[in-house]
Amino acid sequence: MITTEQLNAVAEAARAKADIAALREQFPALHFTECSDDDVSPNYRPAIDAGKHYLYYIAGADGHCLSMTNDPEMATGILLAEKYDGAEDEDD
């Protein structure tokens, strides 16, 4: 289970420095993984917006296969998904 307080603390830390190693060190009880937001299934909604990233809940970090969840009660970790802006490759 990830509490609202934990999620908010992780989001604040990610806004300050979105470094997966730093998050793992600061929150050792949680599992972290990362990807681009455009790799995330639309079946899942972000748990919170953390500036340049969305944070999603993941489950199964206790030794089973990882899976995503929308349920904070089932969550054992957080996916740090870098926001994708398809326009960033376009010329202004």
N, C-alpha and C. Protein backbone atom coordinates (compact mmCIF):
# COMPACT_ATOMS: atom_id res chain seq x y z
N MET A 1 0.84 -1.19 0.00
CA MET A 1 0.00 0.00 0.00
C MET A 1 0.88 1.24 0.00
N ILE A 2 0.51 2.19 -0.82
CA ILE A 2 1.20 3.48 -0.85
C ILE A 2 0.20 4.53 -0.40
N THR A 3 0.54 5.22 0.66
CA THR A 3 -0.35 6.24 1.21
C THR A 3 -0.27 7.53 0.38
N THR A 4 -1.26 8.36 0.56
CA THR A 4 -1.27 9.67 -0.10
C THR A 4 -0.05 10.48 0.32
N GLU A 5 0.33 10.38 1.58
CA GLU A 5 1.49 11.11 2.08
C GLU A 5 2.77 10.63 1.39
N GLN A 6 2.91 9.31 1.23
CA GLN A 6 4.09 8.77 0.54
C GLN A 6 4.11 9.24 -0.91
N LEU A 7 2.97 9.14 -1.58
CA LEU A 7 2.89 9.55 -2.98
C LEU A 7 3.26 11.02 -3.14
N ASN A 8 2.73 11.87 -2.28
CA ASN A 8 3.05 13.30 -2.34
C ASN A 8 4.53 13.56 -2.08
N ALA A 9 5.12 12.82 -1.15
CA ALA A 9 6.55 12.98 -0.85
C ALA A 9 7.41 12.55 -2.04
N VAL A 10 7.04 11.46 -2.67
CA VAL A 10 7.78 11.00 -3.85
C VAL A 10 7.63 12.00 -4.99
N ALA A 11 6.42 12.51 -5.20
CA ALA A 11 6.20 13.50 -6.26
C ALA A 11 7.03 14.76 -6.01
N GLU A 12 7.09 15.21 -4.78
CA GLU A 12 7.89 16.40 -4.46
C GLU A 12 9.36 16.13 -4.72
N ALA A 13 9.84 14.96 -4.33
CA ALA A 13 11.24 14.60 -4.57
C ALA A 13 11.52 14.48 -6.07
N ALA A 14 10.59 13.92 -6.82
CA ALA A 14 10.76 13.77 -8.28
C ALA A 14 10.77 15.14 -8.96
N ARG A 15 9.98 16.06 -8.48
CA ARG A 15 9.97 17.41 -9.06
C ARG A 15 11.32 18.08 -8.83
N ALA A 16 11.91 17.85 -7.67
CA ALA A 16 13.19 18.46 -7.33
C ALA A 16 14.34 17.83 -8.10
N LYS A 17 14.31 16.49 -8.22
CA LYS A 17 15.38 15.77 -8.91
C LYS A 17 14.84 14.41 -9.32
N ALA A 18 14.44 14.29 -10.56
CA ALA A 18 13.82 13.06 -11.05
C ALA A 18 14.90 12.04 -11.41
N ASP A 19 15.64 11.62 -10.41
CA ASP A 19 16.70 10.63 -10.59
C ASP A 19 16.28 9.35 -9.88
N ILE A 20 16.15 8.28 -10.63
CA ILE A 20 15.63 7.03 -10.07
C ILE A 20 16.49 6.51 -8.92
N ALA A 21 17.79 6.65 -9.03
CA ALA A 21 18.69 6.19 -7.96
C ALA A 21 18.47 7.00 -6.68
N ALA A 22 18.28 8.30 -6.84
CA ALA A 22 18.04 9.16 -5.67
C ALA A 22 16.70 8.81 -5.02
N LEU A 23 15.68 8.54 -5.84
CA LEU A 23 14.38 8.15 -5.28
C LEU A 23 14.49 6.83 -4.54
N ARG A 24 15.21 5.88 -5.09
CA ARG A 24 15.38 4.58 -4.42
C ARG A 24 16.09 4.75 -3.08
N GLU A 25 17.06 5.64 -3.05
CA GLU A 25 17.79 5.88 -1.80
C GLU A 25 16.92 6.60 -0.77
N GLN A 26 16.15 7.55 -1.23
CA GLN A 26 15.31 8.34 -0.32
C GLN A 26 14.10 7.55 0.19
N PHE A 27 13.60 6.61 -0.63
CA PHE A 27 12.41 5.84 -0.27
C PHE A 27 12.71 4.34 -0.42
N PRO A 28 13.54 3.79 0.47
CA PRO A 28 13.98 2.40 0.30
C PRO A 28 12.87 1.35 0.44
N ALA A 29 11.76 1.69 1.01
CA ALA A 29 10.66 0.73 1.17
C ALA A 29 9.85 0.55 -0.11
N LEU A 30 10.06 1.45 -1.07
CA LEU A 30 9.30 1.39 -2.32
C LEU A 30 10.17 0.91 -3.46
N HIS A 31 9.54 0.22 -4.40
CA HIS A 31 10.21 -0.18 -5.63
C HIS A 31 9.98 0.90 -6.67
N PHE A 32 11.00 1.23 -7.45
CA PHE A 32 10.87 2.23 -8.50
C PHE A 32 11.32 1.65 -9.83
N THR A 33 10.65 2.05 -10.87
CA THR A 33 11.06 1.75 -12.24
C THR A 33 10.70 2.96 -13.07
N GLU A 34 11.23 3.02 -14.30
CA GLU A 34 10.98 4.20 -15.12
C GLU A 34 10.81 3.83 -16.58
N CYS A 35 10.11 4.71 -17.28
CA CYS A 35 9.93 4.57 -18.73
C CYS A 35 9.39 5.90 -19.24
N SER A 36 9.10 5.93 -20.52
CA SER A 36 8.47 7.10 -21.12
C SER A 36 6.96 6.96 -20.97
N ASP A 37 6.28 8.07 -20.76
CA ASP A 37 4.83 8.01 -20.58
C ASP A 37 4.11 7.45 -21.81
N ASP A 38 4.69 7.61 -22.98
CA ASP A 38 4.03 7.08 -24.18
C ASP A 38 4.12 5.56 -24.26
N ASP A 39 4.87 4.94 -23.34
CA ASP A 39 4.93 3.48 -23.25
C ASP A 39 3.89 2.90 -22.30
N VAL A 40 3.16 3.76 -21.59
CA VAL A 40 2.19 3.33 -20.59
C VAL A 40 0.83 3.10 -21.25
N SER A 41 0.22 1.98 -20.93
CA SER A 41 -1.10 1.65 -21.46
C SER A 41 -2.12 2.70 -21.03
N PRO A 42 -3.02 3.06 -21.93
CA PRO A 42 -4.08 4.01 -21.56
C PRO A 42 -5.07 3.44 -20.55
N ASN A 43 -4.92 2.16 -20.21
CA ASN A 43 -5.77 1.56 -19.18
C ASN A 43 -5.41 2.05 -17.78
N TYR A 44 -4.28 2.71 -17.66
CA TYR A 44 -3.83 3.18 -16.35
C TYR A 44 -3.78 4.69 -16.34
N ARG A 45 -4.16 5.23 -15.21
CA ARG A 45 -4.15 6.68 -15.06
C ARG A 45 -3.03 7.06 -14.09
N PRO A 46 -2.41 8.22 -14.31
CA PRO A 46 -1.36 8.65 -13.38
C PRO A 46 -1.92 8.82 -11.97
N ALA A 47 -1.14 8.43 -11.00
CA ALA A 47 -1.53 8.64 -9.61
C ALA A 47 -1.35 10.11 -9.24
N ILE A 48 -0.34 10.74 -9.89
CA ILE A 48 -0.07 12.16 -9.61
C ILE A 48 0.84 12.71 -10.71
N ASP A 49 0.71 14.00 -10.94
CA ASP A 49 1.56 14.70 -11.90
C ASP A 49 2.75 15.25 -11.11
N ALA A 50 3.95 14.90 -11.55
CA ALA A 50 5.16 15.36 -10.85
C ALA A 50 6.02 16.23 -11.77
N GLY A 51 5.39 17.18 -12.42
CA GLY A 51 6.14 18.10 -13.27
C GLY A 51 6.46 17.49 -14.62
N LYS A 52 7.69 17.07 -14.82
CA LYS A 52 8.11 16.49 -16.10
C LYS A 52 7.80 14.99 -16.18
N HIS A 53 7.21 14.47 -15.12
CA HIS A 53 6.88 13.04 -15.06
C HIS A 53 5.48 12.84 -14.50
N TYR A 54 4.89 11.72 -14.88
CA TYR A 54 3.70 11.22 -14.21
C TYR A 54 4.15 10.06 -13.34
N LEU A 55 3.53 9.91 -12.19
CA LEU A 55 3.80 8.76 -11.33
C LEU A 55 2.61 7.83 -11.40
N TYR A 56 2.90 6.56 -11.64
CA TYR A 56 1.87 5.51 -11.70
C TYR A 56 2.17 4.50 -10.60
N TYR A 57 1.14 3.81 -10.15
CA TYR A 57 1.31 2.74 -9.17
C TYR A 57 1.71 1.44 -9.87
N ILE A 58 2.61 0.70 -9.24
CA ILE A 58 2.92 -0.64 -9.70
C ILE A 58 2.74 -1.60 -8.53
N ALA A 59 2.46 -2.84 -8.85
CA ALA A 59 2.25 -3.88 -7.83
C ALA A 59 3.16 -5.06 -8.16
N GLY A 60 3.38 -5.89 -7.17
CA GLY A 60 4.15 -7.11 -7.38
C GLY A 60 5.63 -6.97 -7.14
N ALA A 61 6.08 -5.88 -6.56
CA ALA A 61 7.51 -5.69 -6.32
C ALA A 61 8.02 -6.54 -5.16
N ASP A 62 7.16 -7.37 -4.61
CA ASP A 62 7.55 -8.22 -3.49
C ASP A 62 8.04 -9.59 -3.96
N GLY A 63 8.44 -9.70 -5.22
CA GLY A 63 8.97 -10.95 -5.73
C GLY A 63 8.17 -11.55 -6.85
N HIS A 64 6.96 -11.08 -7.07
CA HIS A 64 6.14 -11.56 -8.18
C HIS A 64 6.40 -10.65 -9.38
N CYS A 65 5.84 -10.98 -10.51
CA CYS A 65 5.98 -10.14 -11.70
C CYS A 65 5.38 -8.77 -11.44
N LEU A 66 6.04 -7.75 -11.95
CA LEU A 66 5.51 -6.40 -11.82
C LEU A 66 4.30 -6.22 -12.71
N SER A 67 3.36 -5.47 -12.23
CA SER A 67 2.20 -5.09 -13.04
C SER A 67 1.77 -3.71 -12.59
N MET A 68 1.05 -3.04 -13.44
CA MET A 68 0.54 -1.73 -13.08
C MET A 68 -0.82 -1.89 -12.42
N THR A 69 -1.16 -0.91 -11.62
CA THR A 69 -2.45 -0.91 -10.94
C THR A 69 -2.91 0.53 -10.78
N ASN A 70 -4.21 0.72 -10.68
CA ASN A 70 -4.76 2.03 -10.35
C ASN A 70 -5.13 2.10 -8.87
N ASP A 71 -4.87 1.02 -8.15
CA ASP A 71 -5.29 0.90 -6.75
C ASP A 71 -4.10 1.11 -5.80
N PRO A 72 -4.09 2.21 -5.05
CA PRO A 72 -2.98 2.45 -4.12
C PRO A 72 -2.89 1.38 -3.02
N GLU A 73 -4.00 0.71 -2.74
CA GLU A 73 -3.99 -0.36 -1.73
C GLU A 73 -3.16 -1.55 -2.19
N MET A 74 -3.10 -1.78 -3.51
CA MET A 74 -2.35 -2.89 -4.08
C MET A 74 -0.91 -2.51 -4.43
N ALA A 75 -0.63 -1.22 -4.45
CA ALA A 75 0.66 -0.72 -4.93
C ALA A 75 1.80 -1.04 -3.98
N THR A 76 2.92 -1.44 -4.56
CA THR A 76 4.15 -1.70 -3.81
C THR A 76 5.29 -0.83 -4.33
N GLY A 77 5.03 -0.09 -5.39
CA GLY A 77 6.07 0.74 -5.97
C GLY A 77 5.49 1.78 -6.91
N ILE A 78 6.41 2.51 -7.53
CA ILE A 78 6.01 3.62 -8.38
C ILE A 78 6.77 3.58 -9.69
N LEU A 79 6.03 3.81 -10.76
CA LEU A 79 6.61 3.96 -12.09
C LEU A 79 6.77 5.45 -12.36
N LEU A 80 7.98 5.86 -12.63
CA LEU A 80 8.29 7.24 -12.97
C LEU A 80 8.27 7.33 -14.50
N ALA A 81 7.23 7.95 -15.05
CA ALA A 81 7.05 7.99 -16.51
C ALA A 81 7.30 9.40 -17.02
N GLU A 82 8.37 9.55 -17.79
CA GLU A 82 8.70 10.85 -18.34
C GLU A 82 7.65 11.25 -19.36
N LYS A 83 7.13 12.45 -19.22
CA LYS A 83 6.11 12.93 -20.13
C LYS A 83 6.68 13.03 -21.53
N TYR A 84 5.88 12.64 -22.49
CA TYR A 84 6.27 12.67 -23.89
C TYR A 84 5.55 13.80 -24.58
N ASP A 85 6.31 14.62 -25.25
CA ASP A 85 5.74 15.72 -26.03
C ASP A 85 6.13 15.49 -27.47
N GLY A 86 5.22 14.99 -28.26
CA GLY A 86 5.50 14.69 -29.64
C GLY A 86 5.92 15.90 -30.45
N ALA A 87 5.65 17.08 -29.95
CA ALA A 87 6.00 18.31 -30.67
C ALA A 87 7.44 18.73 -30.44
N GLU A 88 8.14 18.09 -29.53
CA GLU A 88 9.48 18.55 -29.21
C GLU A 88 10.46 18.35 -30.35
N ASP A 89 10.16 17.48 -31.31
CA ASP A 89 11.04 17.26 -32.44
C ASP A 89 10.71 18.16 -33.62
N GLU A 90 9.64 18.94 -33.50
CA GLU A 90 9.22 19.81 -34.58
C GLU A 90 9.91 21.16 -34.47
N ASP A 91 10.16 21.78 -35.62
CA ASP A 91 10.72 23.13 -35.63
C ASP A 91 9.60 24.13 -35.35
N ASP A 92 9.94 25.21 -34.66
CA ASP A 92 8.95 26.25 -34.36
C ASP A 92 8.69 27.14 -35.55
